[in-house]
PDB file of N, CA and C in Angstrom:
ATOM      1  N   MET A   1       0.811  -1.198   0.000  1.00  0.00           N
ATOM      2  CA  MET A   1       0.000   0.000   0.000  1.00  0.00           C
ATOM      3  C   MET A   1       0.853   1.260   0.000  1.00  0.00           C
ATOM      4  N   ASP A   2       2.107   1.168   0.418  1.00  0.00           N
ATOM      5  CA  ASP A   2       2.971   2.356   0.418  1.00  0.00           C
ATOM      6  C   ASP A   2       3.297   2.814  -0.989  1.00  0.00           C
ATOM      7  N   VAL A   3       3.240   1.908  -1.943  1.00  0.00           N
ATOM      8  CA  VAL A   3       3.566   2.282  -3.315  1.00  0.00           C
ATOM      9  C   VAL A   3       2.495   3.199  -3.914  1.00  0.00           C
ATOM     10  N   LEU A   4       1.279   3.160  -3.374  1.00  0.00           N
ATOM     11  CA  LEU A   4       0.212   4.028  -3.870  1.00  0.00           C
ATOM     12  C   LEU A   4       0.511   5.498  -3.609  1.00  0.00           C
ATOM     13  N   ILE A   5       1.287   5.772  -2.557  1.00  0.00           N
ATOM     14  CA  ILE A   5       1.662   7.153  -2.267  1.00  0.00           C
ATOM     15  C   ILE A   5       2.512   7.714  -3.406  1.00  0.00           C
ATOM     16  N   PHE A   6       3.231   6.848  -4.098  1.00  0.00           N
ATOM     17  CA  PHE A   6       4.060   7.259  -5.222  1.00  0.00           C
ATOM     18  C   PHE A   6       3.300   7.182  -6.549  1.00  0.00           C
ATOM     19  N   LEU A   7       2.501   6.133  -6.730  1.00  0.00           N
ATOM     20  CA  LEU A   7       1.867   5.900  -8.025  1.00  0.00           C
ATOM     21  C   LEU A   7       0.682   6.809  -8.315  1.00  0.00           C
ATOM     22  N   VAL A   8      -0.108   7.152  -7.330  1.00  0.00           N
ATOM     23  CA  VAL A   8      -1.282   7.994  -7.561  1.00  0.00           C
ATOM     24  C   VAL A   8      -0.874   9.402  -8.028  1.00  0.00           C
ATOM     25  N   PRO A   9       0.055  10.082  -7.351  1.00  0.00           N
ATOM     26  CA  PRO A   9       0.475  11.392  -7.880  1.00  0.00           C
ATOM     27  C   PRO A   9       1.181  11.286  -9.229  1.00  0.00           C
ATOM     28  N   LEU A  10       1.900  10.205  -9.447  1.00  0.00           N
ATOM     29  CA  LEU A  10       2.553  10.010 -10.732  1.00  0.00           C
ATOM     30  C   LEU A  10       1.523   9.865 -11.849  1.00  0.00           C
ATOM     31  N   ALA A  11       0.478   9.099 -11.620  1.00  0.00           N
ATOM     32  CA  ALA A  11      -0.572   8.923 -12.625  1.00  0.00           C
ATOM     33  C   ALA A  11      -1.315  10.233 -12.878  1.00  0.00           C
ATOM     34  N   ILE A  12      -1.599  10.976 -11.830  1.00  0.00           N
ATOM     35  CA  ILE A  12      -2.272  12.269 -11.994  1.00  0.00           C
ATOM     36  C   ILE A  12      -1.373  13.236 -12.756  1.00  0.00           C
ATOM     37  N   GLY A  13      -0.092  13.233 -12.438  1.00  0.00           N
ATOM     38  CA  GLY A  13       0.849  14.107 -13.132  1.00  0.00           C
ATOM     39  C   GLY A  13       0.966  13.780 -14.608  1.00  0.00           C
ATOM     40  N   LEU A  14       1.054  12.489 -14.939  1.00  0.00           N
ATOM     41  CA  LEU A  14       1.131  12.090 -16.346  1.00  0.00           C
ATOM     42  C   LEU A  14      -0.155  12.426 -17.091  1.00  0.00           C
ATOM     43  N   GLY A  15      -1.281  12.288 -16.424  1.00  0.00           N
ATOM     44  CA  GLY A  15      -2.549  12.663 -17.038  1.00  0.00           C
ATOM     45  C   GLY A  15      -2.619  14.155 -17.322  1.00  0.00           C
ATOM     46  N   LEU A  16      -2.123  14.965 -16.396  1.00  0.00           N
ATOM     47  CA  LEU A  16      -2.111  16.412 -16.605  1.00  0.00           C
ATOM     48  C   LEU A  16      -1.148  16.807 -17.721  1.00  0.00           C
ATOM     49  N   VAL A  17      -0.017  16.128 -17.820  1.00  0.00           N
ATOM     50  CA  VAL A  17       0.920  16.405 -18.911  1.00  0.00           C
ATOM     51  C   VAL A  17       0.258  16.104 -20.255  1.00  0.00           C
ATOM     52  N   GLY A  18      -0.452  14.985 -20.346  1.00  0.00           N
ATOM     53  CA  GLY A  18      -1.157  14.644 -21.575  1.00  0.00           C
ATOM     54  C   GLY A  18      -2.250  15.639 -21.905  1.00  0.00           C
ATOM     55  N   LEU A  19      -2.958  16.090 -20.893  1.00  0.00           N
ATOM     56  CA  LEU A  19      -4.019  17.077 -21.101  1.00  0.00           C
ATOM     57  C   LEU A  19      -3.443  18.399 -21.581  1.00  0.00           C
ATOM     58  N   PHE A  20      -2.359  18.843 -20.973  1.00  0.00           N
ATOM     59  CA  PHE A  20      -1.732  20.095 -21.403  1.00  0.00           C
ATOM     60  C   PHE A  20      -1.167  19.980 -22.811  1.00  0.00           C
ATOM     61  N   ALA A  21      -0.625  18.821 -23.169  1.00  0.00           N
ATOM     62  CA  ALA A  21      -0.114  18.625 -24.531  1.00  0.00           C
ATOM     63  C   ALA A  21      -1.256  18.675 -25.544  1.00  0.00           C
ATOM     64  N   PHE A  22      -2.394  18.105 -25.201  1.00  0.00           N
ATOM     65  CA  PHE A  22      -3.545  18.133 -26.096  1.00  0.00           C
ATOM     66  C   PHE A  22      -4.080  19.550 -26.261  1.00  0.00           C
ATOM     67  N   VAL A  23      -4.169  20.299 -25.165  1.00  0.00           N
ATOM     68  CA  VAL A  23      -4.651  21.679 -25.233  1.00  0.00           C
ATOM     69  C   VAL A  23      -3.678  22.524 -26.037  1.00  0.00           C
ATOM     70  N   TRP A  24      -2.371  22.305 -25.864  1.00  0.00           N
ATOM     71  CA  TRP A  24      -1.378  23.034 -26.652  1.00  0.00           C
ATOM     72  C   TRP A  24      -1.539  22.728 -28.141  1.00  0.00           C
ATOM     73  N   ALA A  25      -1.771  21.458 -28.482  1.00  0.00           N
ATOM     74  CA  ALA A  25      -1.943  21.082 -29.889  1.00  0.00           C
ATOM     75  C   ALA A  25      -3.195  21.739 -30.472  1.00  0.00           C
ATOM     76  N   LEU A  26      -4.252  21.824 -29.708  1.00  0.00           N
ATOM     77  CA  LEU A  26      -5.460  22.494 -30.185  1.00  0.00           C
ATOM     78  C   LEU A  26      -5.209  23.978 -30.421  1.00  0.00           C
ATOM     79  N   ARG A  27      -4.539  24.636 -29.485  1.00  0.00           N
ATOM     80  CA  ARG A  27      -4.314  26.080 -29.595  1.00  0.00           C
ATOM     81  C   ARG A  27      -3.307  26.428 -30.686  1.00  0.00           C
ATOM     82  N   SER A  28      -2.383  25.513 -30.992  1.00  0.00           N
ATOM     83  CA  SER A  28      -1.377  25.830 -32.011  1.00  0.00           C
ATOM     84  C   SER A  28      -1.845  25.478 -33.415  1.00  0.00           C
ATOM     85  N   GLY A  29      -3.060  24.950 -33.550  1.00  0.00           N
ATOM     86  CA  GLY A  29      -3.623  24.719 -34.873  1.00  0.00           C
ATOM     87  C   GLY A  29      -3.275  23.381 -35.490  1.00  0.00           C
ATOM     88  N   GLN A  30      -2.936  22.398 -34.688  1.00  0.00           N
ATOM     89  CA  GLN A  30      -2.568  21.092 -35.220  1.00  0.00           C
ATOM     90  C   GLN A  30      -3.765  20.373 -35.852  1.00  0.00           C
ATOM     91  N   TYR A  31      -4.974  20.690 -35.413  1.00  0.00           N
ATOM     92  CA  TYR A  31      -6.160  19.982 -35.887  1.00  0.00           C
ATOM     93  C   TYR A  31      -7.042  20.858 -36.773  1.00  0.00           C
ATOM     94  N   ASP A  32      -6.510  21.944 -37.315  1.00  0.00           N
ATOM     95  CA  ASP A  32      -7.330  22.850 -38.115  1.00  0.00           C
ATOM     96  C   ASP A  32      -7.707  22.261 -39.469  1.00  0.00           C
ATOM     97  N   ASP A  33      -6.792  21.605 -40.135  1.00  0.00           N
ATOM     98  CA  ASP A  33      -7.031  21.104 -41.488  1.00  0.00           C
ATOM     99  C   ASP A  33      -6.956  19.580 -41.495  1.00  0.00           C
ATOM    100  N   VAL A  34      -8.019  18.927 -41.031  1.00  0.00           N
ATOM    101  CA  VAL A  34      -7.983  17.464 -40.932  1.00  0.00           C
ATOM    102  C   VAL A  34      -8.198  16.786 -42.276  1.00  0.00           C
ATOM    103  N   GLU A  35      -8.855  17.451 -43.225  1.00  0.00           N
ATOM    104  CA  GLU A  35      -9.087  16.842 -44.529  1.00  0.00           C
ATOM    105  C   GLU A  35      -8.012  17.212 -45.546  1.00  0.00           C
ATOM    106  N   GLY A  36      -7.196  18.191 -45.237  1.00  0.00           N
ATOM    107  CA  GLY A  36      -6.186  18.649 -46.175  1.00  0.00           C
ATOM    108  C   GLY A  36      -5.148  17.587 -46.493  1.00  0.00           C
ATOM    109  N   ALA A  37      -4.694  16.867 -45.491  1.00  0.00           N
ATOM    110  CA  ALA A  37      -3.681  15.838 -45.717  1.00  0.00           C
ATOM    111  C   ALA A  37      -4.253  14.689 -46.542  1.00  0.00           C
ATOM    112  N   ALA A  38      -5.513  14.356 -46.323  1.00  0.00           N
ATOM    113  CA  ALA A  38      -6.128  13.271 -47.080  1.00  0.00           C
ATOM    114  C   ALA A  38      -6.286  13.652 -48.546  1.00  0.00           C
ATOM    115  N   LEU A  39      -6.616  14.905 -48.809  1.00  0.00           N
ATOM    116  CA  LEU A  39      -6.773  15.342 -50.186  1.00  0.00           C
ATOM    117  C   LEU A  39      -5.435  15.651 -50.849  1.00  0.00           C
ATOM    118  N   ARG A  40      -4.458  16.057 -50.048  1.00  0.00           N
ATOM    119  CA  ARG A  40      -3.145  16.389 -50.588  1.00  0.00           C
ATOM    120  C   ARG A  40      -2.452  15.169 -51.180  1.00  0.00           C
ATOM    121  N   MET A  41      -2.668  13.996 -50.609  1.00  0.00           N
ATOM    122  CA  MET A  41      -2.004  12.810 -51.134  1.00  0.00           C
ATOM    123  C   MET A  41      -2.635  12.345 -52.445  1.00  0.00           C
ATOM    124  N   LEU A  42      -3.819  12.833 -52.779  1.00  0.00           N
ATOM    125  CA  LEU A  42      -4.462  12.458 -54.025  1.00  0.00           C
ATOM    126  C   LEU A  42      -4.063  13.352 -55.193  1.00  0.00           C
ATOM    127  N   SER A  43      -3.468  14.504 -54.894  1.00  0.00           N
ATOM    128  CA  SER A  43      -3.102  15.416 -55.965  1.00  0.00           C
ATOM    129  C   SER A  43      -1.886  14.879 -56.715  1.00  0.00           C
ATOM    130  N   ASP A  44      -1.854  15.140 -58.014  1.00  0.00           N
ATOM    131  CA  ASP A  44      -0.791  14.637 -58.879  1.00  0.00           C
ATOM    132  C   ASP A  44       0.198  15.759 -59.132  1.00  0.00           C
ATOM    133  N   ASP A  45       1.287  15.780 -58.352  1.00  0.00           N
ATOM    134  CA  ASP A  45       2.277  16.850 -58.444  1.00  0.00           C
ATOM    135  C   ASP A  45       3.528  16.443 -59.223  1.00  0.00           C
ATOM    136  N   ASP A  46       3.502  15.316 -59.882  1.00  0.00           N
ATOM    137  CA  ASP A  46       4.693  14.851 -60.600  1.00  0.00           C
ATOM    138  C   ASP A  46       5.006  15.786 -61.765  1.00  0.00           C
ATOM    139  N   LEU A  47       6.217  16.307 -61.769  1.00  0.00           N
ATOM    140  CA  LEU A  47       6.649  17.207 -62.832  1.00  0.00           C
ATOM    141  C   LEU A  47       7.688  16.539 -63.697  1.00  0.00           C
TER     142      LEU A  47
END
């Protein structure tokens, strides 16, 4: 049971890091153009 004193804050901390990374990705525009990459691979740019 002593290990829970270490694991519970560690799990909460890792969850908060993931949440902050997701919020940062949203604010920096990582998810703005979700269809652009799918359509970009269909374009024929061979010169």
